[in-house]
Amino acid sequence: MSDPDKKRAPYFDAPSESPDAQPANNGQPSETATAEQAPPEPAQTQSPAEERIAKLEADLAEARDRMLRAMAETENVRRRLEREREDTARYAISRFAGDTLTVADNLRRALDAVPAAAVAKDEFLAKLVDGVGATEKNLLSVLEKNGVKKLDPAGQKFDPNFHEVLFELDAPDQPVGTVVQVLEAGYTIGDRLLRPARVAAAKGGPAA
């Protein structure tokens, strides 16, 4: 038997561990620790071959752009030269045509100077007038074939782009500014004015 005076040490049951109990992190470091400890990803760099390809593609795009610009400039130059060639061909006779107008003016003055009554009485004079008229008609036809056209604005409204007013005439029955007399015919060559028509304009009539 044991000594009754001898005190028995208190008995405590040690807490039992559940076989299912596991550490919270299962022995693995926490996500925060993993994020802090993860090494930085290495910067991606192009290989020499990739860099070479990228440079060649950039050079190709630049060369293509320069080629397209050069082609556009060449086309513009071609069109400009073609237009200048056409203008040169069209207006090359401007000076010659301007000098020829004097001949046409003189033929018209000769026809206007012959009284109609005299022509009716004199057969020879009538034939002469017909010949001069045919010459004038032929000359105007040749001029027109070369782009020169006659302006005869009688009865038209005055146009400062093609007419030159020398004086005004009282014409109560005509709208103001109407061409009532053509003293000298005008001419154009192509779309350019070769010589304005010299005219008299109406005044004193109703407003145009």
N, C-alpha and C. Protein backbone atom coordinates (compact mmCIF):
# COMPACT_ATOMS: atom_id res chain seq x y z
N MET A 1 0.84 -1.18 0.00
CA MET A 1 0.00 0.00 0.00
C MET A 1 0.85 1.20 0.00
N SER A 2 0.33 2.28 -0.53
CA SER A 2 1.13 3.49 -0.62
C SER A 2 1.01 4.28 0.63
N ASP A 3 1.93 5.13 0.75
CA ASP A 3 1.98 5.97 1.95
C ASP A 3 0.82 6.92 1.90
N PRO A 4 -0.06 6.89 2.93
CA PRO A 4 -1.24 7.77 2.87
C PRO A 4 -0.87 9.21 2.93
N ASP A 5 0.33 9.48 3.56
CA ASP A 5 0.72 10.90 3.64
C ASP A 5 1.30 11.41 2.35
N LYS A 6 1.67 10.51 1.55
CA LYS A 6 2.30 10.92 0.29
C LYS A 6 1.22 11.37 -0.68
N LYS A 7 1.34 12.64 -1.04
CA LYS A 7 0.31 13.19 -1.94
C LYS A 7 0.54 12.73 -3.35
N ARG A 8 -0.61 12.43 -3.95
CA ARG A 8 -0.55 11.99 -5.34
C ARG A 8 -0.56 13.23 -6.25
N ALA A 9 0.32 13.21 -7.20
CA ALA A 9 0.38 14.33 -8.16
C ALA A 9 -0.90 14.39 -8.94
N PRO A 10 -1.41 15.61 -9.11
CA PRO A 10 -2.69 15.75 -9.85
C PRO A 10 -2.56 15.20 -11.26
N TYR A 11 -3.59 14.64 -11.67
CA TYR A 11 -3.58 14.01 -12.99
C TYR A 11 -4.39 14.88 -13.96
N PHE A 12 -3.77 15.27 -14.99
CA PHE A 12 -4.44 16.07 -16.04
C PHE A 12 -4.36 15.32 -17.35
N ASP A 13 -5.47 15.29 -18.04
CA ASP A 13 -5.45 14.65 -19.36
C ASP A 13 -4.97 15.66 -20.39
N ALA A 14 -3.97 15.29 -21.13
CA ALA A 14 -3.47 16.17 -22.21
C ALA A 14 -4.50 16.24 -23.31
N PRO A 15 -4.72 17.41 -23.82
CA PRO A 15 -5.73 17.53 -24.89
C PRO A 15 -5.34 16.65 -26.07
N SER A 16 -6.27 15.93 -26.49
CA SER A 16 -6.00 15.03 -27.62
C SER A 16 -6.14 15.79 -28.93
N GLU A 17 -5.30 15.49 -29.82
CA GLU A 17 -5.33 16.13 -31.16
C GLU A 17 -6.15 15.30 -32.09
N SER A 18 -7.07 15.98 -32.77
CA SER A 18 -7.91 15.27 -33.73
C SER A 18 -7.07 14.83 -34.89
N PRO A 19 -7.24 13.59 -35.31
CA PRO A 19 -6.45 13.14 -36.47
C PRO A 19 -6.75 13.94 -37.72
N ASP A 20 -7.95 14.58 -37.75
CA ASP A 20 -8.29 15.35 -38.95
C ASP A 20 -7.75 16.75 -38.91
N ALA A 21 -7.32 17.20 -37.75
CA ALA A 21 -6.85 18.58 -37.64
C ALA A 21 -5.51 18.71 -38.32
N GLN A 22 -5.37 19.77 -39.16
CA GLN A 22 -4.15 20.04 -39.90
C GLN A 22 -3.83 21.52 -39.77
N PRO A 23 -2.61 21.86 -39.93
CA PRO A 23 -2.26 23.28 -39.88
C PRO A 23 -3.08 24.04 -40.91
N ALA A 24 -3.35 25.30 -40.59
CA ALA A 24 -4.19 26.13 -41.47
C ALA A 24 -3.61 26.23 -42.84
N ASN A 25 -2.31 26.30 -42.94
CA ASN A 25 -1.70 26.43 -44.26
C ASN A 25 -1.16 25.12 -44.79
N ASN A 26 -1.51 24.03 -44.08
CA ASN A 26 -1.10 22.71 -44.55
C ASN A 26 0.38 22.63 -44.81
N GLY A 27 1.12 23.31 -44.00
CA GLY A 27 2.57 23.27 -44.15
C GLY A 27 3.12 24.08 -45.28
N GLN A 28 2.22 24.85 -46.03
CA GLN A 28 2.65 25.66 -47.16
C GLN A 28 2.68 27.12 -46.75
N PRO A 29 3.55 27.91 -47.33
CA PRO A 29 3.58 29.34 -46.99
C PRO A 29 2.30 30.01 -47.45
N SER A 30 1.91 31.08 -46.80
CA SER A 30 0.68 31.81 -47.13
C SER A 30 0.83 32.51 -48.46
N GLU A 31 -0.35 32.92 -49.02
CA GLU A 31 -0.32 33.59 -50.31
C GLU A 31 0.44 34.89 -50.23
N THR A 32 0.31 35.62 -49.13
CA THR A 32 1.03 36.88 -48.97
C THR A 32 2.52 36.66 -49.01
N ALA A 33 2.93 35.62 -48.29
CA ALA A 33 4.37 35.32 -48.27
C ALA A 33 4.84 34.89 -49.64
N THR A 34 3.97 34.13 -50.35
CA THR A 34 4.37 33.67 -51.69
C THR A 34 4.53 34.85 -52.63
N ALA A 35 3.55 35.81 -52.52
CA ALA A 35 3.62 36.97 -53.40
C ALA A 35 4.85 37.80 -53.10
N GLU A 36 5.18 37.90 -51.84
CA GLU A 36 6.34 38.72 -51.48
C GLU A 36 7.64 38.04 -51.88
N GLN A 37 7.63 36.74 -51.88
CA GLN A 37 8.87 36.01 -52.14
C GLN A 37 9.04 35.66 -53.61
N ALA A 38 7.94 35.81 -54.47
CA ALA A 38 8.05 35.42 -55.88
C ALA A 38 9.04 36.33 -56.59
N PRO A 39 9.96 35.76 -57.32
CA PRO A 39 10.95 36.58 -58.04
C PRO A 39 10.29 37.32 -59.19
N PRO A 40 10.72 38.54 -59.56
CA PRO A 40 10.13 39.28 -60.68
C PRO A 40 10.35 38.56 -61.99
N GLU A 41 9.32 38.66 -62.86
CA GLU A 41 9.44 38.03 -64.17
C GLU A 41 10.48 38.76 -65.01
N PRO A 42 11.28 38.03 -65.69
CA PRO A 42 12.32 38.68 -66.51
C PRO A 42 11.69 39.45 -67.66
N ALA A 43 12.20 40.65 -68.00
CA ALA A 43 11.70 41.46 -69.11
C ALA A 43 11.89 40.72 -70.42
N GLN A 44 10.81 40.74 -71.24
CA GLN A 44 10.89 40.03 -72.51
C GLN A 44 11.67 40.87 -73.52
N THR A 45 12.60 40.33 -74.12
CA THR A 45 13.43 41.01 -75.11
C THR A 45 13.34 40.27 -76.43
N GLN A 46 13.43 41.06 -77.53
CA GLN A 46 13.38 40.45 -78.85
C GLN A 46 14.74 39.87 -79.20
N SER A 47 14.65 38.80 -79.91
CA SER A 47 15.88 38.20 -80.38
C SER A 47 16.44 39.06 -81.52
N PRO A 48 17.70 38.96 -81.81
CA PRO A 48 18.28 39.73 -82.93
C PRO A 48 17.52 39.53 -84.23
N ALA A 49 17.04 38.31 -84.48
CA ALA A 49 16.30 38.04 -85.72
C ALA A 49 14.98 38.80 -85.74
N GLU A 50 14.28 38.83 -84.59
CA GLU A 50 13.02 39.56 -84.53
C GLU A 50 13.22 41.05 -84.68
N GLU A 51 14.28 41.57 -84.08
CA GLU A 51 14.58 42.99 -84.24
C GLU A 51 14.87 43.32 -85.70
N ARG A 52 15.60 42.44 -86.37
CA ARG A 52 15.92 42.66 -87.77
C ARG A 52 14.66 42.66 -88.63
N ILE A 53 13.74 41.73 -88.35
CA ILE A 53 12.49 41.66 -89.11
C ILE A 53 11.65 42.92 -88.90
N ALA A 54 11.56 43.38 -87.65
CA ALA A 54 10.79 44.58 -87.36
C ALA A 54 11.36 45.79 -88.09
N LYS A 55 12.68 45.90 -88.12
CA LYS A 55 13.32 47.02 -88.81
C LYS A 55 13.07 46.95 -90.32
N LEU A 56 13.13 45.74 -90.88
CA LEU A 56 12.89 45.59 -92.31
C LEU A 56 11.44 45.94 -92.66
N GLU A 57 10.50 45.56 -91.80
CA GLU A 57 9.10 45.90 -92.05
C GLU A 57 8.87 47.40 -91.99
N ALA A 58 9.52 48.08 -91.04
CA ALA A 58 9.39 49.53 -90.95
C ALA A 58 10.00 50.21 -92.17
N ASP A 59 11.16 49.73 -92.62
CA ASP A 59 11.80 50.29 -93.81
C ASP A 59 10.93 50.08 -95.04
N LEU A 60 10.29 48.89 -95.13
CA LEU A 60 9.43 48.59 -96.27
C LEU A 60 8.23 49.53 -96.30
N ALA A 61 7.61 49.77 -95.14
CA ALA A 61 6.45 50.68 -95.08
C ALA A 61 6.85 52.10 -95.48
N GLU A 62 8.02 52.54 -95.03
CA GLU A 62 8.49 53.88 -95.39
C GLU A 62 8.78 53.98 -96.87
N ALA A 63 9.39 52.94 -97.43
CA ALA A 63 9.69 52.95 -98.87
C ALA A 63 8.41 52.95 -99.70
N ARG A 64 7.42 52.20 -99.25
CA ARG A 64 6.14 52.17 -99.96
C ARG A 64 5.48 53.55 -99.94
N ASP A 65 5.53 54.21 -98.79
CA ASP A 65 4.94 55.55 -98.68
C ASP A 65 5.63 56.52 -99.62
N ARG A 66 6.97 56.47 -99.65
CA ARG A 66 7.71 57.36 -100.56
C ARG A 66 7.39 57.06 -102.01
N MET A 67 7.22 55.78 -102.34
CA MET A 67 6.90 55.42 -103.72
C MET A 67 5.53 55.96 -104.14
N LEU A 68 4.54 55.83 -103.24
CA LEU A 68 3.20 56.33 -103.56
C LEU A 68 3.20 57.84 -103.73
N ARG A 69 3.96 58.54 -102.88
CA ARG A 69 4.04 59.99 -103.01
C ARG A 69 4.70 60.38 -104.33
N ALA A 70 5.76 59.65 -104.70
CA ALA A 70 6.46 59.95 -105.95
C ALA A 70 5.56 59.70 -107.15
N MET A 71 4.77 58.62 -107.10
CA MET A 71 3.84 58.32 -108.20
C MET A 71 2.78 59.41 -108.32
N ALA A 72 2.27 59.88 -107.19
CA ALA A 72 1.25 60.94 -107.23
C ALA A 72 1.84 62.24 -107.80
N GLU A 73 3.06 62.57 -107.39
CA GLU A 73 3.71 63.77 -107.90
C GLU A 73 3.97 63.66 -109.40
N THR A 74 4.40 62.48 -109.84
CA THR A 74 4.63 62.27 -111.27
C THR A 74 3.36 62.45 -112.08
N GLU A 75 2.25 61.93 -111.55
CA GLU A 75 0.97 62.06 -112.24
C GLU A 75 0.53 63.52 -112.31
N ASN A 76 0.77 64.26 -111.24
CA ASN A 76 0.42 65.69 -111.25
C ASN A 76 1.24 66.45 -112.28
N VAL A 77 2.53 66.13 -112.35
CA VAL A 77 3.40 66.79 -113.33
C VAL A 77 2.95 66.45 -114.75
N ARG A 78 2.59 65.18 -114.98
CA ARG A 78 2.15 64.76 -116.31
C ARG A 78 0.89 65.52 -116.73
N ARG A 79 -0.06 65.62 -115.79
CA ARG A 79 -1.30 66.34 -116.12
C ARG A 79 -1.03 67.81 -116.38
N ARG A 80 -0.14 68.41 -115.57
CA ARG A 80 0.15 69.83 -115.77
C ARG A 80 0.82 70.06 -117.12
N LEU A 81 1.75 69.19 -117.51
CA LEU A 81 2.42 69.34 -118.80
C LEU A 81 1.45 69.12 -119.95
N GLU A 82 0.52 68.17 -119.77
CA GLU A 82 -0.47 67.93 -120.81
C GLU A 82 -1.38 69.14 -120.99
N ARG A 83 -1.76 69.75 -119.87
CA ARG A 83 -2.61 70.94 -119.93
C ARG A 83 -1.86 72.10 -120.58
N GLU A 84 -0.59 72.27 -120.22
CA GLU A 84 0.20 73.34 -120.82
C GLU A 84 0.39 73.10 -122.32
N ARG A 85 0.58 71.83 -122.70
CA ARG A 85 0.74 71.53 -124.13
C ARG A 85 -0.53 71.87 -124.90
N GLU A 86 -1.69 71.52 -124.31
CA GLU A 86 -2.95 71.83 -124.98
C GLU A 86 -3.16 73.34 -125.07
N ASP A 87 -2.83 74.06 -124.00
CA ASP A 87 -2.98 75.52 -124.02
C ASP A 87 -2.06 76.14 -125.06
N THR A 88 -0.83 75.62 -125.14
CA THR A 88 0.11 76.16 -126.12
C THR A 88 -0.39 75.94 -127.54
N ALA A 89 -0.91 74.74 -127.80
CA ALA A 89 -1.43 74.44 -129.13
C ALA A 89 -2.67 75.29 -129.44
N ARG A 90 -3.49 75.53 -128.41
CA ARG A 90 -4.74 76.26 -128.62
C ARG A 90 -4.51 77.75 -128.81
N TYR A 91 -3.57 78.31 -128.05
CA TYR A 91 -3.40 79.76 -128.06
C TYR A 91 -2.14 80.21 -128.81
N ALA A 92 -1.48 79.28 -129.49
CA ALA A 92 -0.25 79.64 -130.20
C ALA A 92 -0.52 80.66 -131.31
N ILE A 93 -1.73 80.62 -131.88
CA ILE A 93 -2.03 81.53 -133.01
C ILE A 93 -2.68 82.82 -132.53
N SER A 94 -2.66 83.07 -131.22
CA SER A 94 -3.35 84.26 -130.70
C SER A 94 -2.83 85.53 -131.35
N ARG A 95 -1.52 85.65 -131.43
CA ARG A 95 -0.95 86.87 -132.02
C ARG A 95 -1.28 86.97 -133.50
N PHE A 96 -1.14 85.87 -134.22
CA PHE A 96 -1.45 85.87 -135.65
C PHE A 96 -2.94 86.17 -135.87
N ALA A 97 -3.79 85.55 -135.05
CA ALA A 97 -5.23 85.78 -135.20
C ALA A 97 -5.57 87.23 -134.90
N GLY A 98 -4.92 87.81 -133.88
CA GLY A 98 -5.17 89.21 -133.56
C GLY A 98 -4.82 90.13 -134.71
N ASP A 99 -3.71 89.84 -135.41
CA ASP A 99 -3.34 90.66 -136.56
C ASP A 99 -4.30 90.46 -137.72
N THR A 100 -4.86 89.26 -137.83
CA THR A 100 -5.78 88.96 -138.94
C THR A 100 -7.13 89.65 -138.77
N LEU A 101 -7.46 89.99 -137.54
CA LEU A 101 -8.75 90.63 -137.30
C LEU A 101 -8.87 91.95 -138.04
N THR A 102 -7.74 92.62 -138.24
CA THR A 102 -7.77 93.89 -138.97
C THR A 102 -8.29 93.68 -140.39
N VAL A 103 -7.89 92.56 -141.00
CA VAL A 103 -8.36 92.25 -142.35
C VAL A 103 -9.87 92.03 -142.34
N ALA A 104 -10.35 91.30 -141.35
CA ALA A 104 -11.79 91.05 -141.25
C ALA A 104 -12.55 92.36 -141.02
N ASP A 105 -11.97 93.24 -140.20
CA ASP A 105 -12.62 94.54 -139.96
C ASP A 105 -12.73 95.35 -141.25
N ASN A 106 -11.66 95.37 -142.02
CA ASN A 106 -11.66 96.16 -143.26
C ASN A 106 -12.65 95.61 -144.28
N LEU A 107 -12.77 94.29 -144.35
CA LEU A 107 -13.75 93.70 -145.26
C LEU A 107 -15.17 94.09 -144.85
N ARG A 108 -15.44 94.07 -143.54
CA ARG A 108 -16.77 94.43 -143.07
C ARG A 108 -17.05 95.91 -143.32
N ARG A 109 -16.05 96.77 -143.15
CA ARG A 109 -16.25 98.21 -143.38
C ARG A 109 -16.53 98.46 -144.86
N ALA A 110 -15.83 97.73 -145.72
CA ALA A 110 -16.07 97.89 -147.16
C ALA A 110 -17.50 97.50 -147.52
N LEU A 111 -18.01 96.43 -146.94
CA LEU A 111 -19.38 96.01 -147.23
C LEU A 111 -20.41 97.00 -146.70
N ASP A 112 -20.15 97.53 -145.49
CA ASP A 112 -21.09 98.47 -144.89
C ASP A 112 -21.09 99.82 -145.61
N ALA A 113 -19.99 100.12 -146.30
CA ALA A 113 -19.88 101.43 -146.95
C ALA A 113 -20.65 101.51 -148.26
N VAL A 114 -21.03 100.37 -148.81
CA VAL A 114 -21.74 100.37 -150.10
C VAL A 114 -23.25 100.46 -149.84
N PRO A 115 -23.90 101.51 -150.36
CA PRO A 115 -25.35 101.65 -150.15
C PRO A 115 -26.11 100.52 -150.84
N ALA A 116 -27.13 100.06 -150.22
CA ALA A 116 -27.93 98.98 -150.79
C ALA A 116 -28.59 99.42 -152.10
N ALA A 117 -28.97 100.70 -152.18
CA ALA A 117 -29.60 101.18 -153.41
C ALA A 117 -28.64 101.13 -154.58
N ALA A 118 -27.36 101.47 -154.32
CA ALA A 118 -26.36 101.43 -155.39
C ALA A 118 -26.13 100.00 -155.86
N VAL A 119 -26.13 99.06 -154.95
CA VAL A 119 -25.93 97.65 -155.32
C VAL A 119 -27.09 97.18 -156.20
N ALA A 120 -28.28 97.63 -155.88
CA ALA A 120 -29.45 97.19 -156.64
C ALA A 120 -29.42 97.74 -158.06
N LYS A 121 -28.81 98.90 -158.28
CA LYS A 121 -28.79 99.52 -159.59
C LYS A 121 -27.61 99.08 -160.44
N ASP A 122 -26.51 98.69 -159.81
CA ASP A 122 -25.28 98.39 -160.54
C ASP A 122 -24.96 96.91 -160.39
N GLU A 123 -25.04 96.19 -161.53
CA GLU A 123 -24.78 94.75 -161.49
C GLU A 123 -23.33 94.46 -161.17
N PHE A 124 -22.41 95.25 -161.72
CA PHE A 124 -20.98 95.04 -161.45
C PHE A 124 -20.68 95.25 -159.96
N LEU A 125 -21.24 96.29 -159.41
CA LEU A 125 -21.03 96.58 -157.99
C LEU A 125 -21.64 95.47 -157.14
N ALA A 126 -22.75 94.93 -157.59
CA ALA A 126 -23.39 93.85 -156.84
C ALA A 126 -22.48 92.61 -156.79
N LYS A 127 -21.85 92.33 -157.94
CA LYS A 127 -20.93 91.19 -157.99
C LYS A 127 -19.70 91.43 -157.12
N LEU A 128 -19.24 92.67 -157.12
CA LEU A 128 -18.08 93.01 -156.28
C LEU A 128 -18.42 92.83 -154.80
N VAL A 129 -19.59 93.30 -154.41
CA VAL A 129 -20.01 93.16 -153.01
C VAL A 129 -20.15 91.69 -152.64
N ASP A 130 -20.68 90.90 -153.55
CA ASP A 130 -20.81 89.46 -153.28
C ASP A 130 -19.44 88.82 -153.10
N GLY A 131 -18.46 89.24 -153.91
CA GLY A 131 -17.11 88.68 -153.79
C GLY A 131 -16.46 89.04 -152.47
N VAL A 132 -16.61 90.32 -152.07
CA VAL A 132 -16.05 90.75 -150.78
C VAL A 132 -16.74 90.02 -149.63
N GLY A 133 -18.03 89.84 -149.73
CA GLY A 133 -18.77 89.13 -148.68
C GLY A 133 -18.32 87.67 -148.57
N ALA A 134 -18.08 87.04 -149.73
CA ALA A 134 -17.61 85.64 -149.71
C ALA A 134 -16.22 85.55 -149.09
N THR A 135 -15.38 86.55 -149.38
CA THR A 135 -14.03 86.56 -148.80
C THR A 135 -14.10 86.70 -147.28
N GLU A 136 -14.97 87.59 -146.82
CA GLU A 136 -15.12 87.76 -145.38
C GLU A 136 -15.62 86.46 -144.73
N LYS A 137 -16.60 85.84 -145.35
CA LYS A 137 -17.15 84.60 -144.81
C LYS A 137 -16.09 83.50 -144.76
N ASN A 138 -15.28 83.42 -145.79
CA ASN A 138 -14.23 82.40 -145.84
C ASN A 138 -13.17 82.66 -144.75
N LEU A 139 -12.81 83.92 -144.56
CA LEU A 139 -11.82 84.26 -143.54
C LEU A 139 -12.32 83.90 -142.14
N LEU A 140 -13.57 84.24 -141.85
CA LEU A 140 -14.14 83.92 -140.54
C LEU A 140 -14.22 82.41 -140.33
N SER A 141 -14.48 81.67 -141.40
CA SER A 141 -14.55 80.21 -141.30
C SER A 141 -13.19 79.62 -140.94
N VAL A 142 -12.14 80.16 -141.57
CA VAL A 142 -10.79 79.68 -141.27
C VAL A 142 -10.43 80.00 -139.81
N LEU A 143 -10.77 81.21 -139.38
CA LEU A 143 -10.49 81.58 -137.99
C LEU A 143 -11.23 80.67 -137.01
N GLU A 144 -12.49 80.36 -137.32
CA GLU A 144 -13.28 79.54 -136.42
C GLU A 144 -12.73 78.11 -136.34
N LYS A 145 -12.20 77.61 -137.45
CA LYS A 145 -11.58 76.28 -137.43
C LYS A 145 -10.39 76.23 -136.49
N ASN A 146 -9.78 77.37 -136.25
CA ASN A 146 -8.62 77.45 -135.36
C ASN A 146 -9.00 77.98 -133.97
N GLY A 147 -10.28 77.92 -133.66
CA GLY A 147 -10.73 78.28 -132.33
C GLY A 147 -11.09 79.73 -132.13
N VAL A 148 -11.07 80.55 -133.19
CA VAL A 148 -11.38 81.97 -133.07
C VAL A 148 -12.83 82.19 -133.51
N LYS A 149 -13.63 82.75 -132.59
CA LYS A 149 -15.04 82.97 -132.90
C LYS A 149 -15.38 84.45 -132.79
N LYS A 150 -16.29 84.86 -133.68
CA LYS A 150 -16.70 86.26 -133.73
C LYS A 150 -17.83 86.51 -132.73
N LEU A 151 -17.78 87.68 -132.09
CA LEU A 151 -18.83 88.10 -131.16
C LEU A 151 -19.64 89.22 -131.82
N ASP A 152 -20.93 89.00 -131.94
CA ASP A 152 -21.82 90.02 -132.49
C ASP A 152 -22.97 90.21 -131.50
N PRO A 153 -22.77 91.07 -130.48
CA PRO A 153 -23.71 91.14 -129.36
C PRO A 153 -24.89 92.08 -129.55
N ALA A 154 -25.22 92.46 -130.76
CA ALA A 154 -26.33 93.38 -130.97
C ALA A 154 -27.60 92.82 -130.36
N GLY A 155 -28.30 93.64 -129.54
CA GLY A 155 -29.53 93.22 -128.90
C GLY A 155 -29.33 92.48 -127.59
N GLN A 156 -28.08 92.20 -127.24
CA GLN A 156 -27.80 91.49 -125.98
C GLN A 156 -27.56 92.48 -124.85
N LYS A 157 -27.63 92.00 -123.63
CA LYS A 157 -27.33 92.83 -122.47
C LYS A 157 -25.81 93.02 -122.39
N PHE A 158 -25.41 94.24 -122.05
CA PHE A 158 -23.99 94.54 -121.95
C PHE A 158 -23.29 93.61 -120.95
N ASP A 159 -22.17 93.02 -121.37
CA ASP A 159 -21.38 92.13 -120.53
C ASP A 159 -19.96 92.68 -120.48
N PRO A 160 -19.52 93.19 -119.34
CA PRO A 160 -18.18 93.79 -119.26
C PRO A 160 -17.05 92.81 -119.52
N ASN A 161 -17.36 91.50 -119.47
CA ASN A 161 -16.33 90.51 -119.74
C ASN A 161 -16.02 90.38 -121.23
N PHE A 162 -16.98 90.80 -122.07
CA PHE A 162 -16.79 90.63 -123.52
C PHE A 162 -17.07 91.90 -124.32
N HIS A 163 -17.60 92.93 -123.68
CA HIS A 163 -17.97 94.14 -124.41
C HIS A 163 -17.27 95.37 -123.82
N GLU A 164 -17.07 96.33 -124.69
CA GLU A 164 -16.51 97.62 -124.28
C GLU A 164 -17.44 98.73 -124.79
N VAL A 165 -18.03 99.47 -123.87
CA VAL A 165 -18.97 100.53 -124.24
C VAL A 165 -18.18 101.79 -124.60
N LEU A 166 -18.40 102.28 -125.82
CA LEU A 166 -17.75 103.52 -126.25
C LEU A 166 -18.63 104.74 -125.96
N PHE A 167 -19.93 104.57 -126.03
CA PHE A 167 -20.84 105.66 -125.70
C PHE A 167 -22.24 105.07 -125.51
N GLU A 168 -23.17 105.90 -125.04
CA GLU A 168 -24.55 105.48 -124.82
C GLU A 168 -25.47 106.23 -125.78
N LEU A 169 -26.54 105.56 -126.16
CA LEU A 169 -27.54 106.15 -127.05
C LEU A 169 -28.91 106.12 -126.37
N ASP A 170 -29.67 107.20 -126.61
CA ASP A 170 -31.04 107.21 -126.09
C ASP A 170 -31.87 106.18 -126.84
N ALA A 171 -32.44 105.25 -126.09
CA ALA A 171 -33.28 104.20 -126.69
C ALA A 171 -34.39 103.88 -125.71
N PRO A 172 -35.46 104.69 -125.72
CA PRO A 172 -36.55 104.51 -124.75
C PRO A 172 -37.22 103.14 -124.83
N ASP A 173 -37.15 102.51 -126.00
CA ASP A 173 -37.82 101.22 -126.17
C ASP A 173 -36.93 100.03 -125.82
N GLN A 174 -35.69 100.30 -125.42
CA GLN A 174 -34.75 99.23 -125.09
C GLN A 174 -34.39 99.29 -123.60
N PRO A 175 -34.27 98.13 -122.95
CA PRO A 175 -33.83 98.12 -121.54
C PRO A 175 -32.46 98.77 -121.39
N VAL A 176 -32.26 99.44 -120.30
CA VAL A 176 -30.98 100.10 -120.05
C VAL A 176 -29.85 99.06 -120.07
N GLY A 177 -28.78 99.40 -120.78
CA GLY A 177 -27.64 98.52 -120.86
C GLY A 177 -27.67 97.56 -122.02
N THR A 178 -28.71 97.62 -122.84
CA THR A 178 -28.77 96.74 -124.01
C THR A 178 -27.84 97.28 -125.10
N VAL A 179 -27.14 96.37 -125.78
CA VAL A 179 -26.27 96.77 -126.88
C VAL A 179 -27.14 97.10 -128.09
N VAL A 180 -27.12 98.39 -128.49
CA VAL A 180 -27.96 98.82 -129.60
C VAL A 180 -27.15 99.03 -130.88
N GLN A 181 -25.83 99.06 -130.76
CA GLN A 181 -25.01 99.24 -131.96
C GLN A 181 -23.64 98.61 -131.72
N VAL A 182 -23.15 97.88 -132.72
CA VAL A 182 -21.82 97.25 -132.65
C VAL A 182 -20.91 98.00 -133.60
N LEU A 183 -19.96 98.72 -133.05
CA LEU A 183 -19.04 99.47 -133.88
C LEU A 183 -17.87 98.61 -134.37
N GLU A 184 -17.49 97.62 -133.57
CA GLU A 184 -16.40 96.72 -133.96
C GLU A 184 -16.64 95.38 -133.28
N ALA A 185 -16.69 94.34 -134.07
CA ALA A 185 -16.98 93.01 -133.54
C ALA A 185 -15.87 92.55 -132.60
N GLY A 186 -16.26 91.72 -131.63
CA GLY A 186 -15.28 91.12 -130.73
C GLY A 186 -14.97 89.70 -131.15
N TYR A 187 -13.90 89.16 -130.57
CA TYR A 187 -13.49 87.79 -130.90
C TYR A 187 -12.96 87.09 -129.65
N THR A 188 -13.21 85.79 -129.61
CA THR A 188 -12.64 84.95 -128.55
C THR A 188 -11.81 83.85 -129.20
N ILE A 189 -10.83 83.34 -128.44
CA ILE A 189 -10.06 82.18 -128.88
C ILE A 189 -10.08 81.17 -127.75
N GLY A 190 -10.70 80.04 -128.03
CA GLY A 190 -10.92 79.09 -126.96
C GLY A 190 -11.84 79.70 -125.93
N ASP A 191 -11.43 79.68 -124.66
CA ASP A 191 -12.22 80.31 -123.60
C ASP A 191 -11.63 81.65 -123.18
N ARG A 192 -10.78 82.23 -124.01
CA ARG A 192 -10.16 83.51 -123.70
C ARG A 192 -10.67 84.60 -124.64
N LEU A 193 -10.70 85.81 -124.11
CA LEU A 193 -11.11 86.94 -124.93
C LEU A 193 -9.93 87.43 -125.75
N LEU A 194 -10.11 87.43 -127.07
CA LEU A 194 -9.05 87.92 -127.95
C LEU A 194 -9.18 89.43 -128.15
N ARG A 195 -10.42 89.89 -128.31
CA ARG A 195 -10.67 91.33 -128.43
C ARG A 195 -12.11 91.60 -128.04
N PRO A 196 -12.37 92.60 -127.17
CA PRO A 196 -13.76 92.88 -126.79
C PRO A 196 -14.51 93.54 -127.94
N ALA A 197 -15.82 93.33 -127.95
CA ALA A 197 -16.66 94.01 -128.94
C ALA A 197 -16.88 95.45 -128.47
N ARG A 198 -16.63 96.40 -129.37
CA ARG A 198 -16.83 97.82 -129.04
C ARG A 198 -18.24 98.21 -129.45
N VAL A 199 -19.02 98.66 -128.45
CA VAL A 199 -20.46 98.80 -128.67
C VAL A 199 -20.98 100.12 -128.11
N ALA A 200 -22.24 100.40 -128.46
CA ALA A 200 -22.99 101.51 -127.85
C ALA A 200 -24.14 100.88 -127.07
N ALA A 201 -24.36 101.38 -125.86
CA ALA A 201 -25.38 100.82 -124.99
C ALA A 201 -26.57 101.77 -124.88
N ALA A 202 -27.74 101.17 -124.63
CA ALA A 202 -28.96 101.96 -124.54
C ALA A 202 -29.08 102.63 -123.17
N LYS A 203 -29.71 103.81 -123.21
CA LYS A 203 -30.02 104.51 -121.97
C LYS A 203 -31.40 105.16 -122.13
N GLY A 204 -32.01 105.50 -120.99
CA GLY A 204 -33.30 106.17 -121.05
C GLY A 204 -34.47 105.24 -121.14
N GLY A 205 -34.25 103.95 -121.23
CA GLY A 205 -35.35 103.01 -121.35
C GLY A 205 -35.68 102.37 -120.00
N PRO A 206 -36.53 101.35 -120.00
CA PRO A 206 -36.87 100.68 -118.74
C PRO A 206 -35.67 99.95 -118.16
N ALA A 207 -35.73 99.74 -116.85
CA ALA A 207 -34.62 99.03 -116.18
C ALA A 207 -34.57 97.59 -116.68
N ALA A 208 -33.37 97.09 -116.82
CA ALA A 208 -33.19 95.72 -117.33
C ALA A 208 -33.61 94.72 -116.28
